[in-house]
């Protein structure tokens, strides 16, 4: 705890890529984000009544690595007592288990969010219009939703939205005789008033030495246990990933993409492809592997499908971990063709360096209008 707080806590500005929403929960060493992408109207404004899809992202605050998952539903809320996210599909609520990333075999009627009564800790599902409208009891074990009716209290301040309804957390810094600081972590139970205080940063040299020895042992055990747990958790995906990766040949360190000689393998129907790419009516092609690191693999892929202006081919860089979990996806160029010819045909060149980072230089060309772009990809970004 002391080691993590003094050496590995990062400020909020590290969350620069990819785009993320509000922190929903923390699971072990990962911060969890969830947010919805909405469709736009004819004037380019977001239409909050028409969700397109949602992202769930995991940020490991120790390794600074991202995992990202895409779902064709609207994200709604998080269930406080469980590591479950709620998604809306039409008039139904679906429950996603964050530990297995699978949906439970249980659905309820749709509602707008979850709130908790401060006084008794009771959890409600709520529907609202211009504030709280009606609430219904929500059983956090069976996920059953009761009948919606007027809230027991008219004072909205007695209700709380969010995961930390039960606890208050703060850091307290105290100066010692040497004018150095010790830091304590306070966790207060709002309901009982009980406080737990833990020293997480100390200036005492003997304590520091003892803590470092204990932390080293804990870290070694945790890393091995984490590795074993991941191999067990993703055993099925490991086999799917091997099948997926076998379709990608190593690309040259430097090349310019030549459309006249372009070749790719159709991987649309692979299990891993269906897990990674959710776009309907789209064919996915494997173009090659850019580079591989200890914790990630970087691929070049092409997705082809119908578009309003014709047939669109999208070229993208896909980064996954070795289990097949998506870490990054970046469209770099595209072509659009109709029965009269090409409306858009971008050109791009690739340079991969010995330290496993790639720069892709792109010339976008849409109906004769050119624009330069450059993208960089690393093992850990």
Protein backbone atom coordinates (compact mmCIF):
# COMPACT_ATOMS: atom_id res chain seq x y z
CA UNK A 1 0.00 0.00 0.00
CA UNK A 2 2.84 2.37 0.91
CA UNK A 3 4.79 1.47 -2.25
CA UNK A 4 1.79 1.95 -4.51
CA UNK A 5 0.83 5.28 -2.98
CA UNK A 6 4.32 6.80 -2.99
CA UNK A 7 5.67 5.43 -6.25
CA UNK A 8 2.83 4.47 -8.54
CA UNK A 9 -0.09 6.85 -8.05
CA UNK A 10 -0.48 8.91 -11.22
CA UNK A 11 -2.38 12.19 -11.63
CA UNK A 12 -5.50 12.41 -13.75
CA UNK A 13 -3.70 13.93 -16.71
CA UNK A 14 -2.15 10.56 -17.62
CA UNK A 15 -5.50 9.54 -19.07
CA UNK A 16 -4.77 11.11 -22.46
CA UNK A 17 -5.39 8.17 -24.79
CA UNK A 18 -7.74 6.71 -25.71
CA UNK A 19 -10.84 8.83 -25.12
CA UNK A 20 -12.52 7.87 -21.86
CA UNK A 21 -15.49 8.73 -19.71
CA UNK A 22 -15.98 8.95 -15.94
CA UNK A 23 -14.26 6.42 -13.66
CA UNK A 24 -16.83 3.77 -12.74
CA UNK A 25 -14.89 1.50 -10.39
CA UNK A 26 -11.47 0.11 -9.53
CA UNK A 27 -10.75 -3.63 -9.86
CA UNK A 28 -7.38 -4.66 -8.42
CA UNK A 29 -4.81 -2.57 -10.36
CA UNK A 30 -7.19 -1.33 -13.07
CA UNK A 31 -9.38 1.76 -13.27
CA UNK A 32 -12.59 1.10 -15.19
CA UNK A 33 -14.22 3.62 -17.54
CA UNK A 34 -17.47 3.26 -19.46
CA UNK A 35 -19.24 5.59 -21.87
CA UNK A 36 -21.61 5.62 -24.86
CA UNK A 37 -21.12 6.98 -28.37
CA UNK A 38 -24.33 8.55 -29.71
CA UNK A 39 -25.42 9.11 -33.28
CA UNK A 40 -25.54 12.60 -34.77
CA UNK A 41 -28.41 14.40 -36.48
CA UNK A 42 -28.25 16.13 -39.87
CA UNK A 43 -26.57 19.18 -38.29
CA UNK A 44 -23.82 17.16 -36.62
CA UNK A 45 -25.30 17.40 -33.12
CA UNK A 46 -25.39 14.40 -30.78
CA UNK A 47 -28.79 12.74 -30.51
CA UNK A 48 -28.91 11.35 -26.96
CA UNK A 49 -31.99 9.31 -27.84
CA UNK A 50 -30.07 7.31 -30.44
CA UNK A 51 -27.10 5.42 -28.96
CA UNK A 52 -24.65 3.86 -31.43
CA UNK A 53 -22.44 1.72 -29.16
CA UNK A 54 -20.53 1.80 -25.88
CA UNK A 55 -16.95 1.31 -24.76
CA UNK A 56 -15.67 -0.26 -21.54
CA UNK A 57 -12.01 0.54 -20.88
CA UNK A 58 -9.54 -0.74 -18.30
CA UNK A 59 -6.50 1.38 -17.39
CA UNK A 60 -3.78 -0.34 -15.35
CA UNK A 61 -2.35 2.46 -13.23
CA UNK A 62 0.83 0.47 -12.61
CA UNK A 63 1.73 -0.52 -16.17
CA UNK A 64 -0.05 2.44 -17.85
CA UNK A 65 -1.69 0.01 -20.28
CA UNK A 66 -5.21 0.15 -21.69
CA UNK A 67 -7.72 -2.58 -22.55
CA UNK A 68 -10.85 -1.63 -24.46
CA UNK A 69 -14.07 -3.48 -25.30
CA UNK A 70 -16.95 -2.38 -27.53
CA UNK A 71 -20.64 -3.32 -27.01
CA UNK A 72 -23.64 -2.55 -29.24
CA UNK A 73 -25.75 -1.24 -26.33
CA UNK A 74 -26.19 1.99 -24.38
CA UNK A 75 -24.24 2.18 -21.11
CA UNK A 76 -26.49 3.23 -18.21
CA UNK A 77 -24.92 2.75 -14.77
CA UNK A 78 -22.91 0.53 -12.39
CA UNK A 79 -24.38 -1.69 -9.71
CA UNK A 80 -22.83 -0.55 -6.43
CA UNK A 81 -22.43 -3.86 -4.61
CA UNK A 82 -21.12 -5.87 -7.57
CA UNK A 83 -18.63 -5.40 -10.38
CA UNK A 84 -21.50 -5.17 -12.85
CA UNK A 85 -22.23 -2.57 -15.52
CA UNK A 86 -25.76 -1.97 -16.76
CA UNK A 87 -26.55 -1.57 -20.46
CA UNK A 88 -29.86 -0.76 -22.15
CA UNK A 89 -31.13 -2.61 -25.20
CA UNK A 90 -34.49 -1.14 -26.25
CA UNK A 91 -36.69 -1.64 -23.16
CA UNK A 92 -34.44 -4.19 -21.43
CA UNK A 93 -31.53 -3.82 -19.00
CA UNK A 94 -28.53 -6.14 -19.44
CA UNK A 95 -25.84 -6.86 -16.81
CA UNK A 96 -22.14 -7.12 -17.79
CA UNK A 97 -19.82 -8.91 -15.36
CA UNK A 98 -16.58 -6.88 -15.37
CA UNK A 99 -14.51 -9.83 -14.16
CA UNK A 100 -15.49 -12.17 -17.00
CA UNK A 101 -16.66 -9.54 -19.55
CA UNK A 102 -19.77 -11.62 -20.24
CA UNK A 103 -23.43 -10.71 -19.83
CA UNK A 104 -25.43 -12.48 -17.14
CA UNK A 105 -28.36 -14.69 -18.12
CA UNK A 106 -30.63 -12.16 -16.47
CA UNK A 107 -32.44 -9.09 -17.84
CA UNK A 108 -34.84 -6.61 -16.26
CA UNK A 109 -37.12 -3.85 -17.43
CA UNK A 110 -35.39 -0.66 -18.50
CA UNK A 111 -34.66 2.24 -16.13
CA UNK A 112 -32.51 5.38 -16.18
CA UNK A 113 -30.05 4.98 -13.30
CA UNK A 114 -29.41 3.60 -9.82
CA UNK A 115 -29.60 5.65 -6.64
CA UNK A 116 -29.18 4.92 -2.96
CA UNK A 117 -30.92 6.29 0.10
CA UNK A 118 -28.36 7.72 2.53
CA UNK A 119 -30.40 6.92 5.61
CA UNK A 120 -31.04 3.21 5.14
CA UNK A 121 -28.73 2.22 2.26
CA UNK A 122 -31.62 0.85 0.19
CA UNK A 123 -30.88 0.64 -3.54
CA UNK A 124 -33.42 1.86 -6.08
CA UNK A 125 -33.80 1.81 -9.82
CA UNK A 126 -35.09 5.18 -10.97
CA UNK A 127 -36.81 6.74 -13.94
CA UNK A 128 -36.83 10.49 -14.19
CA UNK A 129 -37.84 13.54 -16.12
CA UNK A 130 -36.44 16.88 -14.90
CA UNK A 131 -35.15 15.23 -11.74
CA UNK A 132 -36.23 12.11 -9.87
CA UNK A 133 -39.63 11.00 -11.02
CA UNK A 134 -40.24 7.46 -9.75
CA UNK A 135 -38.21 4.77 -8.03
CA UNK A 136 -38.51 1.00 -7.62
CA UNK A 137 -36.70 -1.31 -5.21
CA UNK A 138 -33.76 -3.11 -6.85
CA UNK A 139 -32.66 -6.43 -5.38
CA UNK A 140 -28.87 -6.48 -5.83
CA UNK A 141 -28.73 -10.29 -5.49
CA UNK A 142 -31.57 -11.36 -7.78
CA UNK A 143 -31.61 -8.12 -9.88
CA UNK A 144 -35.39 -8.03 -9.64
CA UNK A 145 -36.99 -4.60 -10.04
CA UNK A 146 -40.14 -3.76 -8.10
CA UNK A 147 -43.00 -1.49 -9.03
CA UNK A 148 -42.12 2.13 -9.86
CA UNK A 149 -43.79 4.72 -7.64
CA UNK A 150 -43.13 8.12 -6.07
CA UNK A 151 -39.87 8.26 -4.10
CA UNK A 152 -40.24 7.74 -0.31
CA UNK A 153 -38.71 11.18 0.26
CA UNK A 154 -39.26 14.37 -1.70
CA UNK A 155 -35.82 15.67 -0.78
CA UNK A 156 -33.44 14.60 -3.51
CA UNK A 157 -30.45 15.31 -1.25
CA UNK A 158 -31.28 12.17 0.69
CA UNK A 159 -30.38 10.12 -2.39
CA UNK A 160 -26.98 9.56 -3.93
CA UNK A 161 -25.84 8.53 -7.41
CA UNK A 162 -22.52 6.71 -7.55
CA UNK A 163 -20.46 3.83 -6.23
CA UNK A 164 -19.04 5.42 -3.07
CA UNK A 165 -22.28 5.89 -1.19
CA UNK A 166 -21.03 3.96 1.85
CA UNK A 167 -17.49 5.24 2.37
CA UNK A 168 -15.58 8.50 2.55
CA UNK A 169 -11.87 8.36 1.64
CA UNK A 170 -9.21 11.00 2.23
CA UNK A 171 -5.42 11.38 2.57
CA UNK A 172 -4.04 13.20 5.62
CA UNK A 173 -0.49 14.61 5.54
CA UNK A 174 1.27 15.26 8.85
CA UNK A 175 4.63 16.95 9.44
CA UNK A 176 7.01 15.24 11.85
CA UNK A 177 9.84 16.68 13.99
CA UNK A 178 12.27 16.61 11.05
CA UNK A 179 9.77 18.66 9.05
CA UNK A 180 9.14 15.73 6.75
CA UNK A 181 5.73 14.31 6.02
CA UNK A 182 4.00 11.06 6.88
CA UNK A 183 0.81 10.29 4.93
CA UNK A 184 -2.18 8.39 6.32
CA UNK A 185 -5.14 6.99 4.43
CA UNK A 186 -8.53 7.45 6.14
CA UNK A 187 -11.51 5.27 5.20
CA UNK A 188 -14.73 6.20 7.01
CA UNK A 189 -17.93 4.17 6.98
CA UNK A 190 -20.65 6.82 6.60
CA UNK A 191 -23.31 4.54 8.02
CA UNK A 192 -21.51 3.39 11.19
CA UNK A 193 -19.10 6.30 11.62
CA UNK A 194 -16.15 3.90 12.09
CA UNK A 195 -12.75 4.97 10.70
CA UNK A 196 -9.81 2.87 9.54
CA UNK A 197 -6.45 4.63 9.36
CA UNK A 198 -3.48 3.18 7.47
CA UNK A 199 0.03 4.65 7.20
CA UNK A 200 0.84 4.59 3.48
CA UNK A 201 3.92 6.82 3.41
CA UNK A 202 6.53 7.05 6.16
CA UNK A 203 9.76 8.96 6.78
CA UNK A 204 11.04 6.42 9.30
CA UNK A 205 14.06 4.67 7.71
CA UNK A 206 13.57 1.40 9.63
CA UNK A 207 9.92 1.23 8.59
CA UNK A 208 10.84 1.99 4.98
CA UNK A 209 13.41 -0.82 4.87
CA UNK A 210 10.99 -3.33 6.39
CA UNK A 211 8.20 -2.28 4.05
CA UNK A 212 10.43 -2.61 0.97
CA UNK A 213 11.31 -6.20 1.90
CA UNK A 214 7.66 -7.12 2.43
CA UNK A 215 6.58 -5.36 -0.75
CA UNK A 216 9.16 -7.20 -2.87
CA UNK A 217 7.82 -10.56 -1.64
CA UNK A 218 4.21 -9.50 -2.21
CA UNK A 219 5.01 -8.21 -5.70
CA UNK A 220 6.72 -11.43 -6.76
CA UNK A 221 3.83 -13.52 -5.50
CA UNK A 222 1.25 -11.21 -7.06
CA UNK A 223 2.93 -11.18 -10.48
CA UNK A 224 3.09 -14.97 -10.65
CA UNK A 225 -0.47 -15.34 -9.38
CA UNK A 226 -1.66 -12.71 -11.85
CA UNK A 227 0.07 -14.49 -14.74
CA UNK A 228 -1.47 -17.83 -13.75
CA UNK A 229 -4.90 -16.26 -13.31
CA UNK A 230 -4.75 -14.60 -16.73
CA UNK A 231 -3.72 -17.82 -18.47
CA UNK A 232 -6.62 -19.60 -16.80
CA UNK A 233 -9.09 -16.79 -17.45
CA UNK A 234 -8.24 -16.45 -21.14
CA UNK A 235 -7.49 -20.11 -21.91
CA UNK A 236 -10.16 -20.21 -24.61
CA UNK A 237 -9.05 -16.91 -26.12
CA UNK A 238 -5.42 -18.05 -26.29
CA UNK A 239 -6.34 -20.74 -28.82
CA UNK A 240 -8.51 -18.32 -30.78
CA UNK A 241 -5.65 -15.83 -30.80
CA UNK A 242 -3.22 -18.38 -32.22
CA UNK A 243 -5.63 -19.06 -35.09
CA UNK A 244 -6.07 -15.31 -35.66
CA UNK A 245 -2.35 -14.48 -35.54
CA UNK A 246 -1.42 -17.27 -37.98
CA UNK A 247 -3.06 -15.25 -40.78
CA UNK A 248 -0.64 -12.32 -40.41
CA UNK A 249 2.83 -12.35 -41.97
CA UNK A 250 5.60 -10.05 -40.70
CA UNK A 251 5.65 -6.82 -42.73
CA UNK A 252 8.89 -5.12 -43.88
CA UNK A 253 10.31 -2.48 -41.56
CA UNK A 254 9.81 0.14 -44.28
CA UNK A 255 7.30 0.10 -47.14
CA UNK A 256 4.75 2.16 -49.04
CA UNK A 257 1.38 0.50 -49.44
CA UNK A 258 0.81 -0.47 -53.10
CA UNK A 259 -2.88 -0.90 -53.96
CA UNK A 260 -2.05 -2.67 -57.24
CA UNK A 261 -0.17 -5.44 -55.39
CA UNK A 262 -2.20 -5.48 -52.19
CA UNK A 263 -3.08 -8.88 -50.76
CA UNK A 264 -4.93 -9.87 -47.64
CA UNK A 265 -6.54 -12.90 -46.03
CA UNK A 266 -10.25 -12.90 -45.27
CA UNK A 267 -10.51 -13.43 -41.50
CA UNK A 268 -14.11 -12.25 -41.07
CA UNK A 269 -15.44 -15.55 -39.73
CA UNK A 270 -12.68 -16.29 -37.21
CA UNK A 271 -13.90 -16.33 -33.61
CA UNK A 272 -11.32 -13.75 -32.59
CA UNK A 273 -12.36 -11.46 -35.47
CA UNK A 274 -15.97 -11.59 -34.34
CA UNK A 275 -14.78 -10.70 -30.84
CA UNK A 276 -12.65 -7.77 -32.01
CA UNK A 277 -14.78 -6.31 -34.83
CA UNK A 278 -18.50 -5.70 -34.28
CA UNK A 279 -19.28 -3.71 -37.44
CA UNK A 280 -22.07 -5.47 -39.41
CA UNK A 281 -21.94 -6.17 -43.17
CA UNK A 282 -18.16 -5.77 -43.15
CA UNK A 283 -15.42 -8.06 -44.44
CA UNK A 284 -12.17 -8.10 -42.44
CA UNK A 285 -8.79 -8.76 -44.06
CA UNK A 286 -5.41 -9.53 -42.45
CA UNK A 287 -2.69 -7.45 -44.14
CA UNK A 288 0.28 -8.15 -41.87
CA UNK A 289 1.99 -7.80 -38.49
CA UNK A 290 3.90 -4.56 -37.81
CA UNK A 291 5.72 -5.64 -34.63
CA UNK A 292 5.39 -7.68 -31.44
CA UNK A 293 6.34 -6.80 -27.85
CA UNK A 294 6.34 -8.61 -24.53
CA UNK A 295 2.85 -7.34 -23.74
CA UNK A 296 1.29 -6.54 -27.13
CA UNK A 297 1.05 -7.36 -30.84
CA UNK A 298 0.42 -4.73 -33.53
CA UNK A 299 -1.42 -5.68 -36.73
CA UNK A 300 -2.38 -3.94 -39.97
CA UNK A 301 -5.96 -4.78 -41.01
CA UNK A 302 -8.47 -3.69 -43.64
CA UNK A 303 -12.26 -3.60 -43.26
CA UNK A 304 -14.47 -3.34 -46.35
CA UNK A 305 -18.19 -2.66 -46.49
CA UNK A 306 -20.99 -0.56 -48.00
CA UNK A 307 -21.11 3.19 -47.38
CA UNK A 308 -23.45 5.98 -48.49
CA UNK A 309 -21.03 7.12 -51.20
CA UNK A 310 -20.09 3.62 -52.38
CA UNK A 311 -17.85 0.78 -51.13
CA UNK A 312 -15.43 1.84 -48.39
CA UNK A 313 -12.16 0.14 -47.46
CA UNK A 314 -10.76 1.23 -44.10
CA UNK A 315 -7.12 0.57 -43.22
CA UNK A 316 -6.39 0.42 -39.50
CA UNK A 317 -3.75 -0.48 -36.93
CA UNK A 318 -4.97 -2.95 -34.31
CA UNK A 319 -3.06 -3.56 -31.09
CA UNK A 320 -3.98 -6.47 -28.81
CA UNK A 321 -2.45 -8.21 -25.85
CA UNK A 322 -1.37 -11.83 -26.27
CA UNK A 323 -4.80 -13.01 -25.15
CA UNK A 324 -6.59 -11.13 -27.94
CA UNK A 325 -7.97 -8.26 -25.84
CA UNK A 326 -8.06 -5.03 -27.84
CA UNK A 327 -5.69 -2.35 -26.53
CA UNK A 328 -5.82 0.18 -29.36
CA UNK A 329 -7.53 0.64 -32.72
CA UNK A 330 -6.64 3.51 -35.04
CA UNK A 331 -7.97 4.10 -38.57
CA UNK A 332 -5.08 5.44 -40.65
CA UNK A 333 -6.47 5.68 -44.20
CA UNK A 334 -9.40 4.73 -46.42
CA UNK A 335 -10.61 4.36 -49.99
CA UNK A 336 -14.15 4.99 -51.24
CA UNK A 337 -15.21 3.73 -54.64
CA UNK A 338 -18.50 3.94 -56.57
CA UNK A 339 -19.49 2.94 -60.10
CA UNK A 340 -17.66 5.98 -61.52
CA UNK A 341 -14.34 5.31 -59.81
CA UNK A 342 -12.53 6.37 -56.64
CA UNK A 343 -13.88 9.28 -54.60
CA UNK A 344 -11.16 8.87 -52.00
CA UNK A 345 -7.82 7.06 -52.16
CA UNK A 346 -5.37 7.74 -49.36
CA UNK A 347 -1.72 6.77 -49.59
CA UNK A 348 0.43 5.69 -46.65
CA UNK A 349 3.95 4.52 -45.86
CA UNK A 350 5.23 2.63 -42.83
CA UNK A 351 8.54 2.84 -40.95
CA UNK A 352 9.13 0.44 -38.04
CA UNK A 353 12.26 1.01 -35.96
CA UNK A 354 14.49 -1.42 -34.04
CA UNK A 355 13.01 -0.40 -30.68
CA UNK A 356 9.58 -1.56 -31.83
CA UNK A 357 7.81 1.65 -32.64
CA UNK A 358 6.13 2.47 -35.91
CA UNK A 359 5.48 5.74 -37.71
CA UNK A 360 2.82 5.79 -40.44
CA UNK A 361 2.77 8.79 -42.77
CA UNK A 362 -0.51 9.33 -44.60
CA UNK A 363 -1.60 11.51 -47.50
CA UNK A 364 -5.39 11.77 -47.43
CA UNK A 365 -6.85 12.36 -50.89
CA UNK A 366 -10.59 13.05 -51.04
CA UNK A 367 -11.77 14.19 -54.47
CA UNK A 368 -8.40 15.80 -55.18
CA UNK A 369 -8.06 17.58 -51.82
CA UNK A 370 -4.94 16.40 -50.02
CA UNK A 371 -4.11 16.46 -46.32
CA UNK A 372 -1.06 15.11 -44.47
CA UNK A 373 -1.32 12.99 -41.33
CA UNK A 374 1.14 11.03 -39.20
CA UNK A 375 0.51 8.30 -36.59
CA UNK A 376 2.91 6.71 -34.12
CA UNK A 377 2.53 3.36 -32.35
CA UNK A 378 4.58 2.00 -29.45
CA UNK A 379 4.66 -1.11 -27.31
CA UNK A 380 3.15 0.61 -24.29
CA UNK A 381 1.00 3.50 -25.57
